[in-house]
Amino acid sequence: MSTTEAFGFTCVTMMFLSYLLDKRAKAWRLVFALSCFGASAYAVLIGSIPFAIVEGLWGIVALRRWAV
């Protein structure tokens, strides 16, 4: 597994875990948002621009949920 793949795997795993723990504490929403932005960066690194856009939008939505 390359460093880039490990980064993507870590981001998606953190997205999954933070989504599961979202109801327990508001801080998990921030973790989810940051993980989405990380997944978006990973998508850019692998050249998947549509995925990068969608993950970036998920990150924005999650940040708004965290801020409320």
N, C-alpha and C. Protein backbone atom coordinates (compact mmCIF):
# COMPACT_ATOMS: atom_id res chain seq x y z
N MET A 1 0.85 -1.17 0.00
CA MET A 1 0.00 0.00 0.00
C MET A 1 0.89 1.24 0.00
N SER A 2 0.63 2.13 -0.93
CA SER A 2 1.42 3.35 -1.03
C SER A 2 1.00 4.34 0.06
N THR A 3 1.78 5.37 0.23
CA THR A 3 1.47 6.42 1.21
C THR A 3 0.16 7.11 0.85
N THR A 4 -0.06 7.35 -0.43
CA THR A 4 -1.29 7.99 -0.88
C THR A 4 -2.50 7.11 -0.57
N GLU A 5 -2.39 5.82 -0.83
CA GLU A 5 -3.49 4.90 -0.54
C GLU A 5 -3.75 4.82 0.96
N ALA A 6 -2.70 4.81 1.76
CA ALA A 6 -2.85 4.77 3.22
C ALA A 6 -3.56 6.03 3.71
N PHE A 7 -3.22 7.17 3.13
CA PHE A 7 -3.88 8.43 3.48
C PHE A 7 -5.37 8.36 3.16
N GLY A 8 -5.72 7.90 1.98
CA GLY A 8 -7.12 7.78 1.58
C GLY A 8 -7.87 6.80 2.47
N PHE A 9 -7.26 5.65 2.76
CA PHE A 9 -7.87 4.66 3.63
C PHE A 9 -8.14 5.23 5.02
N THR A 10 -7.17 5.97 5.55
CA THR A 10 -7.32 6.58 6.87
C THR A 10 -8.46 7.60 6.87
N CYS A 11 -8.53 8.42 5.85
CA CYS A 11 -9.60 9.43 5.77
C CYS A 11 -10.98 8.79 5.72
N VAL A 12 -11.14 7.79 4.88
CA VAL A 12 -12.44 7.13 4.73
C VAL A 12 -12.80 6.36 6.01
N THR A 13 -11.82 5.75 6.64
CA THR A 13 -12.08 5.05 7.90
C THR A 13 -12.52 6.03 8.98
N MET A 14 -11.86 7.17 9.05
CA MET A 14 -12.25 8.19 10.03
C MET A 14 -13.64 8.75 9.72
N MET A 15 -13.97 8.89 8.44
CA MET A 15 -15.32 9.32 8.08
C MET A 15 -16.34 8.33 8.62
N PHE A 16 -16.10 7.06 8.41
CA PHE A 16 -17.01 6.01 8.85
C PHE A 16 -17.18 6.03 10.37
N LEU A 17 -16.07 6.05 11.10
CA LEU A 17 -16.13 6.02 12.56
C LEU A 17 -16.79 7.27 13.13
N SER A 18 -16.44 8.42 12.59
CA SER A 18 -17.02 9.65 13.13
C SER A 18 -18.50 9.77 12.79
N TYR A 19 -18.91 9.22 11.66
CA TYR A 19 -20.34 9.20 11.33
C TYR A 19 -21.10 8.32 12.32
N LEU A 20 -20.51 7.19 12.69
CA LEU A 20 -21.15 6.32 13.68
C LEU A 20 -21.27 6.98 15.05
N LEU A 21 -20.27 7.78 15.42
CA LEU A 21 -20.23 8.40 16.74
C LEU A 21 -20.83 9.80 16.77
N ASP A 22 -21.38 10.24 15.67
CA ASP A 22 -21.92 11.58 15.50
C ASP A 22 -22.90 11.98 16.60
N LYS A 23 -23.76 11.08 17.02
CA LYS A 23 -24.79 11.39 18.02
C LYS A 23 -24.23 11.52 19.44
N ARG A 24 -23.05 10.99 19.67
CA ARG A 24 -22.49 10.98 21.02
C ARG A 24 -21.91 12.31 21.45
N ALA A 25 -21.30 13.02 20.52
CA ALA A 25 -20.68 14.30 20.86
C ALA A 25 -20.56 15.15 19.60
N LYS A 26 -20.74 16.43 19.77
CA LYS A 26 -20.68 17.36 18.65
C LYS A 26 -19.30 17.38 17.98
N ALA A 27 -18.27 17.09 18.74
CA ALA A 27 -16.90 17.10 18.20
C ALA A 27 -16.73 16.09 17.07
N TRP A 28 -17.51 15.01 17.09
CA TRP A 28 -17.40 14.01 16.02
C TRP A 28 -17.85 14.58 14.68
N ARG A 29 -18.71 15.58 14.70
CA ARG A 29 -19.11 16.24 13.45
C ARG A 29 -17.93 16.97 12.83
N LEU A 30 -17.12 17.58 13.67
CA LEU A 30 -15.91 18.26 13.18
C LEU A 30 -14.92 17.23 12.62
N VAL A 31 -14.76 16.11 13.31
CA VAL A 31 -13.88 15.05 12.81
C VAL A 31 -14.38 14.56 11.46
N PHE A 32 -15.71 14.40 11.34
CA PHE A 32 -16.28 13.97 10.07
C PHE A 32 -15.97 14.98 8.96
N ALA A 33 -16.15 16.26 9.26
CA ALA A 33 -15.89 17.30 8.27
C ALA A 33 -14.43 17.27 7.82
N LEU A 34 -13.52 17.19 8.78
CA LEU A 34 -12.09 17.16 8.44
C LEU A 34 -11.74 15.91 7.64
N SER A 35 -12.38 14.80 7.97
CA SER A 35 -12.15 13.57 7.22
C SER A 35 -12.65 13.70 5.79
N CYS A 36 -13.79 14.37 5.62
CA CYS A 36 -14.31 14.60 4.27
C CYS A 36 -13.34 15.44 3.45
N PHE A 37 -12.79 16.48 4.07
CA PHE A 37 -11.82 17.32 3.36
C PHE A 37 -10.55 16.52 3.02
N GLY A 38 -10.16 15.63 3.94
CA GLY A 38 -9.02 14.76 3.66
C GLY A 38 -9.30 13.83 2.50
N ALA A 39 -10.52 13.26 2.47
CA ALA A 39 -10.90 12.38 1.37
C ALA A 39 -10.96 13.16 0.06
N SER A 40 -11.36 14.41 0.14
CA SER A 40 -11.39 15.26 -1.05
C SER A 40 -9.96 15.49 -1.56
N ALA A 41 -9.04 15.73 -0.65
CA ALA A 41 -7.64 15.92 -1.04
C ALA A 41 -7.09 14.62 -1.66
N TYR A 42 -7.45 13.49 -1.08
CA TYR A 42 -7.03 12.21 -1.64
C TYR A 42 -7.56 12.04 -3.06
N ALA A 43 -8.82 12.41 -3.27
CA ALA A 43 -9.41 12.30 -4.61
C ALA A 43 -8.65 13.16 -5.62
N VAL A 44 -8.23 14.33 -5.19
CA VAL A 44 -7.44 15.19 -6.08
C VAL A 44 -6.11 14.49 -6.40
N LEU A 45 -5.50 13.91 -5.39
CA LEU A 45 -4.21 13.24 -5.60
C LEU A 45 -4.30 12.09 -6.59
N ILE A 46 -5.44 11.39 -6.60
CA ILE A 46 -5.58 10.26 -7.53
C ILE A 46 -6.25 10.68 -8.84
N GLY A 47 -6.59 11.96 -8.95
CA GLY A 47 -7.15 12.48 -10.20
C GLY A 47 -8.64 12.27 -10.38
N SER A 48 -9.37 12.08 -9.29
CA SER A 48 -10.82 11.87 -9.36
C SER A 48 -11.53 13.17 -8.93
N ILE A 49 -11.61 14.09 -9.87
CA ILE A 49 -12.16 15.41 -9.56
C ILE A 49 -13.64 15.37 -9.14
N PRO A 50 -14.50 14.58 -9.80
CA PRO A 50 -15.90 14.53 -9.33
C PRO A 50 -16.01 14.07 -7.88
N PHE A 51 -15.23 13.07 -7.49
CA PHE A 51 -15.23 12.59 -6.12
C PHE A 51 -14.72 13.69 -5.19
N ALA A 52 -13.70 14.42 -5.62
CA ALA A 52 -13.15 15.51 -4.81
C ALA A 52 -14.20 16.58 -4.55
N ILE A 53 -14.98 16.90 -5.56
CA ILE A 53 -16.02 17.92 -5.41
C ILE A 53 -17.08 17.46 -4.43
N VAL A 54 -17.55 16.23 -4.59
CA VAL A 54 -18.60 15.72 -3.70
C VAL A 54 -18.11 15.63 -2.26
N GLU A 55 -16.91 15.15 -2.04
CA GLU A 55 -16.37 15.06 -0.69
C GLU A 55 -16.17 16.45 -0.09
N GLY A 56 -15.75 17.41 -0.90
CA GLY A 56 -15.63 18.78 -0.42
C GLY A 56 -16.97 19.35 0.01
N LEU A 57 -18.01 19.06 -0.77
CA LEU A 57 -19.36 19.51 -0.40
C LEU A 57 -19.83 18.85 0.89
N TRP A 58 -19.56 17.55 1.05
CA TRP A 58 -19.89 16.87 2.31
C TRP A 58 -19.17 17.53 3.48
N GLY A 59 -17.94 17.91 3.27
CA GLY A 59 -17.18 18.59 4.32
C GLY A 59 -17.81 19.91 4.72
N ILE A 60 -18.28 20.67 3.73
CA ILE A 60 -18.94 21.95 4.02
C ILE A 60 -20.23 21.73 4.80
N VAL A 61 -21.02 20.75 4.37
CA VAL A 61 -22.27 20.44 5.08
C VAL A 61 -21.97 20.03 6.52
N ALA A 62 -20.97 19.19 6.70
CA ALA A 62 -20.62 18.73 8.05
C ALA A 62 -20.12 19.88 8.92
N LEU A 63 -19.36 20.80 8.34
CA LEU A 63 -18.91 21.97 9.10
C LEU A 63 -20.09 22.83 9.54
N ARG A 64 -21.06 22.99 8.67
CA ARG A 64 -22.26 23.76 9.02
C ARG A 64 -23.03 23.07 10.14
N ARG A 65 -23.15 21.74 10.07
CA ARG A 65 -23.83 20.99 11.14
C ARG A 65 -23.09 21.13 12.46
N TRP A 66 -21.75 21.13 12.40
CA TRP A 66 -20.95 21.26 13.62
C TRP A 66 -21.11 22.65 14.23
N ALA A 67 -21.20 23.66 13.37
CA ALA A 67 -21.27 25.05 13.84
C ALA A 67 -22.62 25.39 14.47
N VAL A 68 -23.65 24.65 14.13
CA VAL A 68 -24.99 24.98 14.64
C VAL A 68 -25.17 24.49 16.06
